[in-house]
Amino acid sequence: MSLKIPRALMTMKHSTVLIPRNFVELVEPTGNIYETTVVIAKNAKRIVAKVKDELDAKLVEFVSQADNSEELSENKEHIEISKFYEKQPKPIIISTEEFLAGKVMYHYPDEATVLEE
């Protein structure tokens, strides 16, 4: 039984749907699936931090200085920004696509440096 993926999903720039990946294609750049996983995960963490900083910068203007912090005021602009970020693809998907496209730079520490620490 083969898995049929609609062509529209395969051609999306950043899909929110999990797409089966070719194992050999993932392992090829590093030669080891565990190293590939670490590279993709560390890049995903970097993406999460960047997106969080962007979102915090946009939402900082909505923080009220009022004493009544329990009261939530609905602001359409705040809701739109939040919905926009909720619709974004998961960082791990973005990171995997960047890795497969060769956009992720990684290096191995020198053995001498690791041993000195």
PDB file of N, CA and C in Angstrom:
ATOM      1  N   MET A   1       0.848  -1.181   0.000  1.00  0.00           N
ATOM      2  CA  MET A   1       0.000   0.000   0.000  1.00  0.00           C
ATOM      3  C   MET A   1       0.891   1.241   0.000  1.00  0.00           C
ATOM      4  N   SER A   2       0.716   2.109  -0.958  1.00  0.00           N
ATOM      5  CA  SER A   2       1.540   3.316  -1.029  1.00  0.00           C
ATOM      6  C   SER A   2       0.729   4.521  -0.565  1.00  0.00           C
ATOM      7  N   LEU A   3       1.448   5.468  -0.013  1.00  0.00           N
ATOM      8  CA  LEU A   3       0.836   6.678   0.500  1.00  0.00           C
ATOM      9  C   LEU A   3       0.761   7.698  -0.624  1.00  0.00           C
ATOM     10  N   LYS A   4      -0.450   8.176  -0.914  1.00  0.00           N
ATOM     11  CA  LYS A   4      -0.641   9.167  -1.971  1.00  0.00           C
ATOM     12  C   LYS A   4      -0.711  10.550  -1.325  1.00  0.00           C
ATOM     13  N   ILE A   5       0.203  11.421  -1.727  1.00  0.00           N
ATOM     14  CA  ILE A   5       0.225  12.780  -1.220  1.00  0.00           C
ATOM     15  C   ILE A   5      -0.200  13.708  -2.355  1.00  0.00           C
ATOM     16  N   PRO A   6      -1.203  14.550  -2.098  1.00  0.00           N
ATOM     17  CA  PRO A   6      -1.635  15.460  -3.155  1.00  0.00           C
ATOM     18  C   PRO A   6      -0.483  16.352  -3.615  1.00  0.00           C
ATOM     19  N   ARG A   7      -0.410  16.568  -4.919  1.00  0.00           N
ATOM     20  CA  ARG A   7       0.669  17.378  -5.492  1.00  0.00           C
ATOM     21  C   ARG A   7       0.679  18.783  -4.889  1.00  0.00           C
ATOM     22  N   ALA A   8      -0.480  19.332  -4.559  1.00  0.00           N
ATOM     23  CA  ALA A   8      -0.541  20.678  -3.977  1.00  0.00           C
ATOM     24  C   ALA A   8       0.229  20.733  -2.658  1.00  0.00           C
ATOM     25  N   LEU A   9       0.146  19.672  -1.874  1.00  0.00           N
ATOM     26  CA  LEU A   9       0.862  19.652  -0.606  1.00  0.00           C
ATOM     27  C   LEU A   9       2.356  19.506  -0.814  1.00  0.00           C
ATOM     28  N   MET A  10       2.755  18.787  -1.833  1.00  0.00           N
ATOM     29  CA  MET A  10       4.173  18.557  -2.076  1.00  0.00           C
ATOM     30  C   MET A  10       4.865  19.806  -2.612  1.00  0.00           C
ATOM     31  N   THR A  11       4.106  20.697  -3.248  1.00  0.00           N
ATOM     32  CA  THR A  11       4.709  21.881  -3.841  1.00  0.00           C
ATOM     33  C   THR A  11       4.619  23.112  -2.944  1.00  0.00           C
ATOM     34  N   MET A  12       4.007  22.977  -1.781  1.00  0.00           N
ATOM     35  CA  MET A  12       3.917  24.112  -0.863  1.00  0.00           C
ATOM     36  C   MET A  12       5.304  24.478  -0.361  1.00  0.00           C
ATOM     37  N   LYS A  13       5.540  25.785  -0.201  1.00  0.00           N
ATOM     38  CA  LYS A  13       6.851  26.228   0.264  1.00  0.00           C
ATOM     39  C   LYS A  13       7.113  25.694   1.670  1.00  0.00           C
ATOM     40  N   HIS A  14       6.184  25.928   2.585  1.00  0.00           N
ATOM     41  CA  HIS A  14       6.297  25.413   3.946  1.00  0.00           C
ATOM     42  C   HIS A  14       4.971  24.748   4.287  1.00  0.00           C
ATOM     43  N   SER A  15       4.958  23.469   4.244  1.00  0.00           N
ATOM     44  CA  SER A  15       3.756  22.717   4.519  1.00  0.00           C
ATOM     45  C   SER A  15       3.533  22.588   6.013  1.00  0.00           C
ATOM     46  N   THR A  16       2.270  22.565   6.421  1.00  0.00           N
ATOM     47  CA  THR A  16       1.940  22.310   7.814  1.00  0.00           C
ATOM     48  C   THR A  16       1.604  20.836   8.007  1.00  0.00           C
ATOM     49  N   VAL A  17       1.703  20.069   6.926  1.00  0.00           N
ATOM     50  CA  VAL A  17       1.406  18.645   6.954  1.00  0.00           C
ATOM     51  C   VAL A  17       2.727  17.874   6.949  1.00  0.00           C
ATOM     52  N   LEU A  18       2.778  16.816   7.729  1.00  0.00           N
ATOM     53  CA  LEU A  18       3.979  15.984   7.721  1.00  0.00           C
ATOM     54  C   LEU A  18       4.050  15.198   6.422  1.00  0.00           C
ATOM     55  N   ILE A  19       5.201  15.271   5.787  1.00  0.00           N
ATOM     56  CA  ILE A  19       5.418  14.568   4.533  1.00  0.00           C
ATOM     57  C   ILE A  19       6.481  13.512   4.776  1.00  0.00           C
ATOM     58  N   PRO A  20       6.238  12.275   4.336  1.00  0.00           N
ATOM     59  CA  PRO A  20       7.267  11.242   4.497  1.00  0.00           C
ATOM     60  C   PRO A  20       8.559  11.672   3.795  1.00  0.00           C
ATOM     61  N   ARG A  21       9.672  11.484   4.465  1.00  0.00           N
ATOM     62  CA  ARG A  21      10.968  11.901   3.918  1.00  0.00           C
ATOM     63  C   ARG A  21      11.787  10.686   3.511  1.00  0.00           C
ATOM     64  N   ASN A  22      12.642  10.889   2.534  1.00  0.00           N
ATOM     65  CA  ASN A  22      13.541   9.851   2.070  1.00  0.00           C
ATOM     66  C   ASN A  22      14.698   9.750   3.075  1.00  0.00           C
ATOM     67  N   PHE A  23      14.821   8.622   3.721  1.00  0.00           N
ATOM     68  CA  PHE A  23      15.837   8.410   4.746  1.00  0.00           C
ATOM     69  C   PHE A  23      17.244   8.645   4.204  1.00  0.00           C
ATOM     70  N   VAL A  24      17.522   8.128   3.030  1.00  0.00           N
ATOM     71  CA  VAL A  24      18.854   8.255   2.423  1.00  0.00           C
ATOM     72  C   VAL A  24      19.172   9.725   2.166  1.00  0.00           C
ATOM     73  N   GLU A  25      18.185  10.465   1.720  1.00  0.00           N
ATOM     74  CA  GLU A  25      18.365  11.896   1.447  1.00  0.00           C
ATOM     75  C   GLU A  25      18.677  12.671   2.737  1.00  0.00           C
ATOM     76  N   LEU A  26      18.064  12.275   3.838  1.00  0.00           N
ATOM     77  CA  LEU A  26      18.321  12.929   5.119  1.00  0.00           C
ATOM     78  C   LEU A  26      19.722  12.623   5.645  1.00  0.00           C
ATOM     79  N   VAL A  27      20.167  11.401   5.468  1.00  0.00           N
ATOM     80  CA  VAL A  27      21.448  10.965   6.030  1.00  0.00           C
ATOM     81  C   VAL A  27      22.634  11.396   5.168  1.00  0.00           C
ATOM     82  N   GLU A  28      22.410  11.606   3.901  1.00  0.00           N
ATOM     83  CA  GLU A  28      23.507  11.882   2.964  1.00  0.00           C
ATOM     84  C   GLU A  28      24.456  13.009   3.400  1.00  0.00           C
ATOM     85  N   PRO A  29      23.984  14.181   3.816  1.00  0.00           N
ATOM     86  CA  PRO A  29      24.928  15.256   4.158  1.00  0.00           C
ATOM     87  C   PRO A  29      25.849  14.953   5.345  1.00  0.00           C
ATOM     88  N   THR A  30      25.342  14.264   6.371  1.00  0.00           N
ATOM     89  CA  THR A  30      26.149  14.011   7.569  1.00  0.00           C
ATOM     90  C   THR A  30      26.705  12.603   7.616  1.00  0.00           C
ATOM     91  N   GLY A  31      26.030  11.667   6.983  1.00  0.00           N
ATOM     92  CA  GLY A  31      26.458  10.279   7.021  1.00  0.00           C
ATOM     93  C   GLY A  31      25.934   9.533   8.237  1.00  0.00           C
ATOM     94  N   ASN A  32      25.131  10.199   9.061  1.00  0.00           N
ATOM     95  CA  ASN A  32      24.642   9.581  10.287  1.00  0.00           C
ATOM     96  C   ASN A  32      23.290  10.190  10.635  1.00  0.00           C
ATOM     97  N   ILE A  33      22.288   9.351  10.848  1.00  0.00           N
ATOM     98  CA  ILE A  33      20.934   9.852  11.124  1.00  0.00           C
ATOM     99  C   ILE A  33      20.877  10.618  12.444  1.00  0.00           C
ATOM    100  N   TYR A  34      21.692  10.225  13.416  1.00  0.00           N
ATOM    101  CA  TYR A  34      21.683  10.915  14.705  1.00  0.00           C
ATOM    102  C   TYR A  34      22.275  12.317  14.582  1.00  0.00           C
ATOM    103  N   GLU A  35      23.335  12.448  13.792  1.00  0.00           N
ATOM    104  CA  GLU A  35      23.919  13.768  13.562  1.00  0.00           C
ATOM    105  C   GLU A  35      22.934  14.646  12.793  1.00  0.00           C
ATOM    106  N   THR A  36      22.261  14.060  11.813  1.00  0.00           N
ATOM    107  CA  THR A  36      21.252  14.797  11.054  1.00  0.00           C
ATOM    108  C   THR A  36      20.158  15.299  11.995  1.00  0.00           C
ATOM    109  N   THR A  37      19.711  14.434  12.894  1.00  0.00           N
ATOM    110  CA  THR A  37      18.660  14.803  13.834  1.00  0.00           C
ATOM    111  C   THR A  37      19.100  15.959  14.728  1.00  0.00           C
ATOM    112  N   VAL A  38      20.332  15.924  15.209  1.00  0.00           N
ATOM    113  CA  VAL A  38      20.846  16.994  16.064  1.00  0.00           C
ATOM    114  C   VAL A  38      20.926  18.308  15.302  1.00  0.00           C
ATOM    115  N   VAL A  39      21.423  18.260  14.071  1.00  0.00           N
ATOM    116  CA  VAL A  39      21.548  19.475  13.268  1.00  0.00           C
ATOM    117  C   VAL A  39      20.172  20.089  13.029  1.00  0.00           C
ATOM    118  N   ILE A  40      19.203  19.270  12.635  1.00  0.00           N
ATOM    119  CA  ILE A  40      17.853  19.767  12.369  1.00  0.00           C
ATOM    120  C   ILE A  40      17.213  20.300  13.654  1.00  0.00           C
ATOM    121  N   ALA A  41      17.379  19.592  14.770  1.00  0.00           N
ATOM    122  CA  ALA A  41      16.787  20.024  16.042  1.00  0.00           C
ATOM    123  C   ALA A  41      17.393  21.339  16.528  1.00  0.00           C
ATOM    124  N   LYS A  42      18.701  21.490  16.420  1.00  0.00           N
ATOM    125  CA  LYS A  42      19.335  22.739  16.857  1.00  0.00           C
ATOM    126  C   LYS A  42      18.900  23.908  15.978  1.00  0.00           C
ATOM    127  N   ASN A  43      18.758  23.662  14.691  1.00  0.00           N
ATOM    128  CA  ASN A  43      18.278  24.712  13.804  1.00  0.00           C
ATOM    129  C   ASN A  43      16.826  25.070  14.133  1.00  0.00           C
ATOM    130  N   ALA A  44      16.016  24.073  14.463  1.00  0.00           N
ATOM    131  CA  ALA A  44      14.620  24.329  14.837  1.00  0.00           C
ATOM    132  C   ALA A  44      14.560  25.182  16.107  1.00  0.00           C
ATOM    133  N   LYS A  45      15.443  24.913  17.068  1.00  0.00           N
ATOM    134  CA  LYS A  45      15.489  25.732  18.286  1.00  0.00           C
ATOM    135  C   LYS A  45      15.846  27.179  17.959  1.00  0.00           C
ATOM    136  N   ARG A  46      16.759  27.368  17.014  1.00  0.00           N
ATOM    137  CA  ARG A  46      17.136  28.718  16.587  1.00  0.00           C
ATOM    138  C   ARG A  46      15.942  29.424  15.954  1.00  0.00           C
ATOM    139  N   ILE A  47      15.189  28.688  15.140  1.00  0.00           N
ATOM    140  CA  ILE A  47      14.004  29.249  14.488  1.00  0.00           C
ATOM    141  C   ILE A  47      12.954  29.623  15.530  1.00  0.00           C
ATOM    142  N   VAL A  48      12.742  28.761  16.519  1.00  0.00           N
ATOM    143  CA  VAL A  48      11.773  29.038  17.587  1.00  0.00           C
ATOM    144  C   VAL A  48      12.150  30.319  18.319  1.00  0.00           C
ATOM    145  N   ALA A  49      13.422  30.475  18.649  1.00  0.00           N
ATOM    146  CA  ALA A  49      13.876  31.663  19.370  1.00  0.00           C
ATOM    147  C   ALA A  49      13.653  32.924  18.536  1.00  0.00           C
ATOM    148  N   LYS A  50      13.942  32.835  17.246  1.00  0.00           N
ATOM    149  CA  LYS A  50      13.763  33.984  16.359  1.00  0.00           C
ATOM    150  C   LYS A  50      12.290  34.368  16.251  1.00  0.00           C
ATOM    151  N   VAL A  51      11.422  33.381  16.059  1.00  0.00           N
ATOM    152  CA  VAL A  51       9.990  33.639  15.930  1.00  0.00           C
ATOM    153  C   VAL A  51       9.426  34.185  17.242  1.00  0.00           C
ATOM    154  N   LYS A  52       9.882  33.645  18.367  1.00  0.00           N
ATOM    155  CA  LYS A  52       9.419  34.121  19.671  1.00  0.00           C
ATOM    156  C   LYS A  52       9.813  35.572  19.884  1.00  0.00           C
ATOM    157  N   ASP A  53      11.035  35.933  19.519  1.00  0.00           N
ATOM    158  CA  ASP A  53      11.479  37.320  19.637  1.00  0.00           C
ATOM    159  C   ASP A  53      10.635  38.250  18.764  1.00  0.00           C
ATOM    160  N   GLU A  54      10.341  37.812  17.527  1.00  0.00           N
ATOM    161  CA  GLU A  54       9.498  38.609  16.629  1.00  0.00           C
ATOM    162  C   GLU A  54       8.109  38.805  17.218  1.00  0.00           C
ATOM    163  N   LEU A  55       7.518  37.714  17.713  1.00  0.00           N
ATOM    164  CA  LEU A  55       6.171  37.784  18.275  1.00  0.00           C
ATOM    165  C   LEU A  55       6.155  38.663  19.522  1.00  0.00           C
ATOM    166  N   ASP A  56       7.132  38.497  20.391  1.00  0.00           N
ATOM    167  CA  ASP A  56       7.204  39.324  21.599  1.00  0.00           C
ATOM    168  C   ASP A  56       7.333  40.802  21.248  1.00  0.00           C
ATOM    169  N   ALA A  57       8.128  41.107  20.237  1.00  0.00           N
ATOM    170  CA  ALA A  57       8.305  42.502  19.820  1.00  0.00           C
ATOM    171  C   ALA A  57       6.993  43.092  19.303  1.00  0.00           C
ATOM    172  N   LYS A  58       6.206  42.279  18.596  1.00  0.00           N
ATOM    173  CA  LYS A  58       4.931  42.771  18.069  1.00  0.00           C
ATOM    174  C   LYS A  58       3.875  42.892  19.167  1.00  0.00           C
ATOM    175  N   LEU A  59       3.913  41.991  20.146  1.00  0.00           N
ATOM    176  CA  LEU A  59       2.882  41.995  21.190  1.00  0.00           C
ATOM    177  C   LEU A  59       3.201  42.917  22.352  1.00  0.00           C
ATOM    178  N   VAL A  60       4.429  43.429  22.434  1.00  0.00           N
ATOM    179  CA  VAL A  60       4.802  44.273  23.557  1.00  0.00           C
ATOM    180  C   VAL A  60       3.944  45.536  23.623  1.00  0.00           C
ATOM    181  N   GLU A  61       3.479  46.022  22.486  1.00  0.00           N
ATOM    182  CA  GLU A  61       2.653  47.225  22.490  1.00  0.00           C
ATOM    183  C   GLU A  61       1.248  46.969  23.032  1.00  0.00           C
ATOM    184  N   PHE A  62       0.861  45.697  23.130  1.00  0.00           N
ATOM    185  CA  PHE A  62      -0.469  45.375  23.632  1.00  0.00           C
ATOM    186  C   PHE A  62      -0.488  45.148  25.141  1.00  0.00           C
ATOM    187  N   VAL A  63       0.671  45.140  25.757  1.00  0.00           N
ATOM    188  CA  VAL A  63       0.734  44.927  27.202  1.00  0.00           C
ATOM    189  C   VAL A  63       0.205  46.179  27.876  1.00  0.00           C
ATOM    190  N   SER A  64      -0.789  45.987  28.711  1.00  0.00           N
ATOM    191  CA  SER A  64      -1.370  47.158  29.378  1.00  0.00           C
ATOM    192  C   SER A  64      -0.656  47.403  30.701  1.00  0.00           C
ATOM    193  N   GLN A  65      -0.516  48.639  31.014  1.00  0.00           N
ATOM    194  CA  GLN A  65       0.143  49.037  32.250  1.00  0.00           C
ATOM    195  C   GLN A  65      -0.868  49.181  33.391  1.00  0.00           C
ATOM    196  N   ALA A  66      -2.112  48.866  33.137  1.00  0.00           N
ATOM    197  CA  ALA A  66      -3.171  49.036  34.136  1.00  0.00           C
ATOM    198  C   ALA A  66      -3.001  48.038  35.272  1.00  0.00           C
ATOM    199  N   ASP A  67      -3.534  48.424  36.430  1.00  0.00           N
ATOM    200  CA  ASP A  67      -3.492  47.550  37.598  1.00  0.00           C
ATOM    201  C   ASP A  67      -4.393  46.340  37.428  1.00  0.00           C
ATOM    202  N   ASN A  68      -5.383  46.462  36.606  1.00  0.00           N
ATOM    203  CA  ASN A  68      -6.366  45.402  36.428  1.00  0.00           C
ATOM    204  C   ASN A  68      -5.848  44.386  35.411  1.00  0.00           C
ATOM    205  N   SER A  69      -4.861  43.596  35.803  1.00  0.00           N
ATOM    206  CA  SER A  69      -4.244  42.636  34.890  1.00  0.00           C
ATOM    207  C   SER A  69      -5.133  41.441  34.592  1.00  0.00           C
ATOM    208  N   GLU A  70      -6.163  41.216  35.415  1.00  0.00           N
ATOM    209  CA  GLU A  70      -7.061  40.085  35.185  1.00  0.00           C
ATOM    210  C   GLU A  70      -8.023  40.359  34.031  1.00  0.00           C
ATOM    211  N   GLU A  71      -8.228  41.614  33.753  1.00  0.00           N
ATOM    212  CA  GLU A  71      -9.161  41.986  32.703  1.00  0.00           C
ATOM    213  C   GLU A  71      -8.475  41.861  31.348  1.00  0.00           C
ATOM    214  N   LEU A  72      -9.088  41.106  30.471  1.00  0.00           N
ATOM    215  CA  LEU A  72      -8.531  40.929  29.124  1.00  0.00           C
ATOM    216  C   LEU A  72      -9.367  41.740  28.144  1.00  0.00           C
ATOM    217  N   SER A  73      -8.735  42.620  27.467  1.00  0.00           N
ATOM    218  CA  SER A  73      -9.455  43.402  26.464  1.00  0.00           C
ATOM    219  C   SER A  73      -9.188  42.786  25.101  1.00  0.00           C
ATOM    220  N   GLU A  74     -10.240  42.650  24.333  1.00  0.00           N
ATOM    221  CA  GLU A  74     -10.085  42.068  23.002  1.00  0.00           C
ATOM    222  C   GLU A  74      -9.607  43.142  22.043  1.00  0.00           C
ATOM    223  N   ASN A  75      -8.582  42.831  21.341  1.00  0.00           N
ATOM    224  CA  ASN A  75      -8.030  43.747  20.369  1.00  0.00           C
ATOM    225  C   ASN A  75      -7.891  42.978  19.068  1.00  0.00           C
ATOM    226  N   LYS A  76      -8.549  43.440  18.032  1.00  0.00           N
ATOM    227  CA  LYS A  76      -8.548  42.716  16.759  1.00  0.00           C
ATOM    228  C   LYS A  76      -7.139  42.550  16.191  1.00  0.00           C
ATOM    229  N   GLU A  77      -6.332  43.573  16.324  1.00  0.00           N
ATOM    230  CA  GLU A  77      -4.974  43.510  15.803  1.00  0.00           C
ATOM    231  C   GLU A  77      -4.155  42.448  16.543  1.00  0.00           C
ATOM    232  N   HIS A  78      -4.318  42.385  17.850  1.00  0.00           N
ATOM    233  CA  HIS A  78      -3.629  41.383  18.674  1.00  0.00           C
ATOM    234  C   HIS A  78      -4.053  39.978  18.270  1.00  0.00           C
ATOM    235  N   ILE A  79      -5.340  39.792  18.051  1.00  0.00           N
ATOM    236  CA  ILE A  79      -5.871  38.487  17.658  1.00  0.00           C
ATOM    237  C   ILE A  79      -5.353  38.092  16.278  1.00  0.00           C
ATOM    238  N   GLU A  80      -5.300  39.040  15.342  1.00  0.00           N
ATOM    239  CA  GLU A  80      -4.796  38.749  13.998  1.00  0.00           C
ATOM    240  C   GLU A  80      -3.332  38.336  14.026  1.00  0.00           C
ATOM    241  N   ILE A  81      -2.530  39.017  14.821  1.00  0.00           N
ATOM    242  CA  ILE A  81      -1.109  38.668  14.938  1.00  0.00           C
ATOM    243  C   ILE A  81      -0.964  37.268  15.512  1.00  0.00           C
ATOM    244  N   SER A  82      -1.724  36.969  16.553  1.00  0.00           N
ATOM    245  CA  SER A  82      -1.657  35.645  17.174  1.00  0.00           C
ATOM    246  C   SER A  82      -2.078  34.552  16.197  1.00  0.00           C
ATOM    247  N   LYS A  83      -3.159  34.781  15.453  1.00  0.00           N
ATOM    248  CA  LYS A  83      -3.621  33.786  14.488  1.00  0.00           C
ATOM    249  C   LYS A  83      -2.599  33.574  13.373  1.00  0.00           C
ATOM    250  N   PHE A  84      -1.949  34.666  12.949  1.00  0.00           N
ATOM    251  CA  PHE A  84      -0.936  34.553  11.909  1.00  0.00           C
ATOM    252  C   PHE A  84       0.181  33.610  12.359  1.00  0.00           C
ATOM    253  N   TYR A  85       0.656  33.779  13.597  1.00  0.00           N
ATOM    254  CA  TYR A  85       1.749  32.940  14.089  1.00  0.00           C
ATOM    255  C   TYR A  85       1.286  31.509  14.364  1.00  0.00           C
ATOM    256  N   GLU A  86       0.022  31.327  14.691  1.00  0.00           N
ATOM    257  CA  GLU A  86      -0.497  29.970  14.902  1.00  0.00           C
ATOM    258  C   GLU A  86      -0.545  29.194  13.589  1.00  0.00           C
ATOM    259  N   LYS A  87      -0.754  29.893  12.483  1.00  0.00           N
ATOM    260  CA  LYS A  87      -0.865  29.240  11.177  1.00  0.00           C
ATOM    261  C   LYS A  87       0.493  28.921  10.559  1.00  0.00           C
ATOM    262  N   GLN A  88       1.545  29.458  11.117  1.00  0.00           N
ATOM    263  CA  GLN A  88       2.887  29.220  10.573  1.00  0.00           C
ATOM    264  C   GLN A  88       3.248  27.739  10.708  1.00  0.00           C
ATOM    265  N   PRO A  89       4.052  27.225   9.778  1.00  0.00           N
ATOM    266  CA  PRO A  89       4.467  25.821   9.888  1.00  0.00           C
ATOM    267  C   PRO A  89       5.355  25.615  11.113  1.00  0.00           C
ATOM    268  N   LYS A  90       5.377  24.411  11.594  1.00  0.00           N
ATOM    269  CA  LYS A  90       6.185  24.077  12.768  1.00  0.00           C
ATOM    270  C   LYS A  90       7.662  24.292  12.455  1.00  0.00           C
ATOM    271  N   PRO A  91       8.423  24.761  13.432  1.00  0.00           N
ATOM    272  CA  PRO A  91       9.849  25.011  13.210  1.00  0.00           C
ATOM    273  C   PRO A  91      10.626  23.780  12.756  1.00  0.00           C
ATOM    274  N   ILE A  92      10.235  22.605  13.206  1.00  0.00           N
ATOM    275  CA  ILE A  92      10.949  21.384  12.811  1.00  0.00           C
ATOM    276  C   ILE A  92      10.749  21.101  11.318  1.00  0.00           C
ATOM    277  N   ILE A  93       9.584  21.445  10.791  1.00  0.00           N
ATOM    278  CA  ILE A  93       9.326  21.256   9.362  1.00  0.00           C
ATOM    279  C   ILE A  93      10.164  22.238   8.551  1.00  0.00           C
ATOM    280  N   ILE A  94      10.206  23.494   8.994  1.00  0.00           N
ATOM    281  CA  ILE A  94      11.025  24.503   8.320  1.00  0.00           C
ATOM    282  C   ILE A  94      12.494  24.091   8.354  1.00  0.00           C
ATOM    283  N   SER A  95      12.948  23.645   9.515  1.00  0.00           N
ATOM    284  CA  SER A  95      14.339  23.248   9.689  1.00  0.00           C
ATOM    285  C   SER A  95      14.695  22.069   8.783  1.00  0.00           C
ATOM    286  N   THR A  96      13.819  21.094   8.687  1.00  0.00           N
ATOM    287  CA  THR A  96      14.067  19.931   7.828  1.00  0.00           C
ATOM    288  C   THR A  96      14.157  20.351   6.369  1.00  0.00           C
ATOM    289  N   GLU A  97      13.261  21.230   5.942  1.00  0.00           N
ATOM    290  CA  GLU A  97      13.299  21.704   4.559  1.00  0.00           C
ATOM    291  C   GLU A  97      14.579  22.483   4.283  1.00  0.00           C
ATOM    292  N   GLU A  98      14.995  23.319   5.232  1.00  0.00           N
ATOM    293  CA  GLU A  98      16.239  24.070   5.059  1.00  0.00           C
ATOM    294  C   GLU A  98      17.438  23.125   4.991  1.00  0.00           C
ATOM    295  N   PHE A  99      17.432  22.093   5.834  1.00  0.00           N
ATOM    296  CA  PHE A  99      18.526  21.115   5.834  1.00  0.00           C
ATOM    297  C   PHE A  99      18.617  20.401   4.489  1.00  0.00           C
ATOM    298  N   LEU A 100      17.480  19.965   3.984  1.00  0.00           N
ATOM    299  CA  LEU A 100      17.462  19.245   2.708  1.00  0.00           C
ATOM    300  C   LEU A 100      17.851  20.153   1.539  1.00  0.00           C
ATOM    301  N   ALA A 101      17.592  21.450   1.680  1.00  0.00           N
ATOM    302  CA  ALA A 101      17.949  22.404   0.621  1.00  0.00           C
ATOM    303  C   ALA A 101      19.397  22.864   0.736  1.00  0.00           C
ATOM    304  N   GLY A 102      20.090  22.426   1.789  1.00  0.00           N
ATOM    305  CA  GLY A 102      21.492  22.803   1.965  1.00  0.00           C
ATOM    306  C   GLY A 102      21.689  24.196   2.534  1.00  0.00           C
ATOM    307  N   LYS A 103      20.664  24.730   3.191  1.00  0.00           N
ATOM    308  CA  LYS A 103      20.737  26.085   3.745  1.00  0.00           C
ATOM    309  C   LYS A 103      21.211  26.121   5.190  1.00  0.00           C
ATOM    310  N   VAL A 104      21.404  24.963   5.808  1.00  0.00           N
ATOM    311  CA  VAL A 104      21.816  24.904   7.210  1.00  0.00           C
ATOM    312  C   VAL A 104      23.315  24.654   7.274  1.00  0.00           C
ATOM    313  N   MET A 105      24.011  25.555   7.948  1.00  0.00           N
ATOM    314  CA  MET A 105      25.458  25.405   8.123  1.00  0.00           C
ATOM    315  C   MET A 105      25.707  24.705   9.464  1.00  0.00           C
ATOM    316  N   TYR A 106      26.600  23.738   9.466  1.00  0.00           N
ATOM    317  CA  TYR A 106      26.962  23.066  10.716  1.00  0.00           C
ATOM    318  C   TYR A 106      28.433  22.698  10.642  1.00  0.00           C
ATOM    319  N   HIS A 107      29.036  22.533  11.798  1.00  0.00           N
ATOM    320  CA  HIS A 107      30.448  22.158  11.851  1.00  0.00           C
ATOM    321  C   HIS A 107      30.670  21.262  13.059  1.00  0.00           C
ATOM    322  N   TYR A 108      31.761  20.567  13.032  1.00  0.00           N
ATOM    323  CA  TYR A 108      32.132  19.685  14.130  1.00  0.00           C
ATOM    324  C   TYR A 108      33.235  20.367  14.939  1.00  0.00           C
ATOM    325  N   PRO A 109      33.133  20.349  16.259  1.00  0.00           N
ATOM    326  CA  PRO A 109      34.193  20.968  17.066  1.00  0.00           C
ATOM    327  C   PRO A 109      35.487  20.157  16.933  1.00  0.00           C
ATOM    328  N   ASP A 110      36.614  20.845  17.069  1.00  0.00           N
ATOM    329  CA  ASP A 110      37.900  20.156  17.033  1.00  0.00           C
ATOM    330  C   ASP A 110      38.014  19.249  18.255  1.00  0.00           C
ATOM    331  N   GLU A 111      38.637  18.093  18.063  1.00  0.00           N
ATOM    332  CA  GLU A 111      38.808  17.159  19.185  1.00  0.00           C
ATOM    333  C   GLU A 111      39.611  17.794  20.307  1.00  0.00           C
ATOM    334  N   ALA A 112      40.625  18.550  19.977  1.00  0.00           N
ATOM    335  CA  ALA A 112      41.475  19.183  20.998  1.00  0.00           C
ATOM    336  C   ALA A 112      40.646  20.147  21.840  1.00  0.00           C
ATOM    337  N   THR A 113      39.736  20.898  21.213  1.00  0.00           N
ATOM    338  CA  THR A 113      38.896  21.846  21.942  1.00  0.00           C
ATOM    339  C   THR A 113      37.969  21.110  22.892  1.00  0.00           C
ATOM    340  N   VAL A 114      37.375  20.022  22.425  1.00  0.00           N
ATOM    341  CA  VAL A 114      36.456  19.251  23.258  1.00  0.00           C
ATOM    342  C   VAL A 114      37.191  18.631  24.447  1.00  0.00           C
ATOM    343  N   LEU A 115      38.384  18.114  24.222  1.00  0.00           N
ATOM    344  CA  LEU A 115      39.134  17.478  25.305  1.00  0.00           C
ATOM    345  C   LEU A 115      39.596  18.486  26.353  1.00  0.00           C
ATOM    346  N   GLU A 116      39.898  19.706  25.975  1.00  0.00           N
ATOM    347  CA  GLU A 116      40.358  20.717  26.920  1.00  0.00           C
ATOM    348  C   GLU A 116      39.252  21.147  27.856  1.00  0.00           C
ATOM    349  N   GLU A 117      38.018  21.147  27.421  1.00  0.00           N
ATOM    350  CA  GLU A 117      36.894  21.594  28.244  1.00  0.00           C
ATOM    351  C   GLU A 117      36.613  20.588  29.272  1.00  0.00           C
TER     352      GLU A 117
END
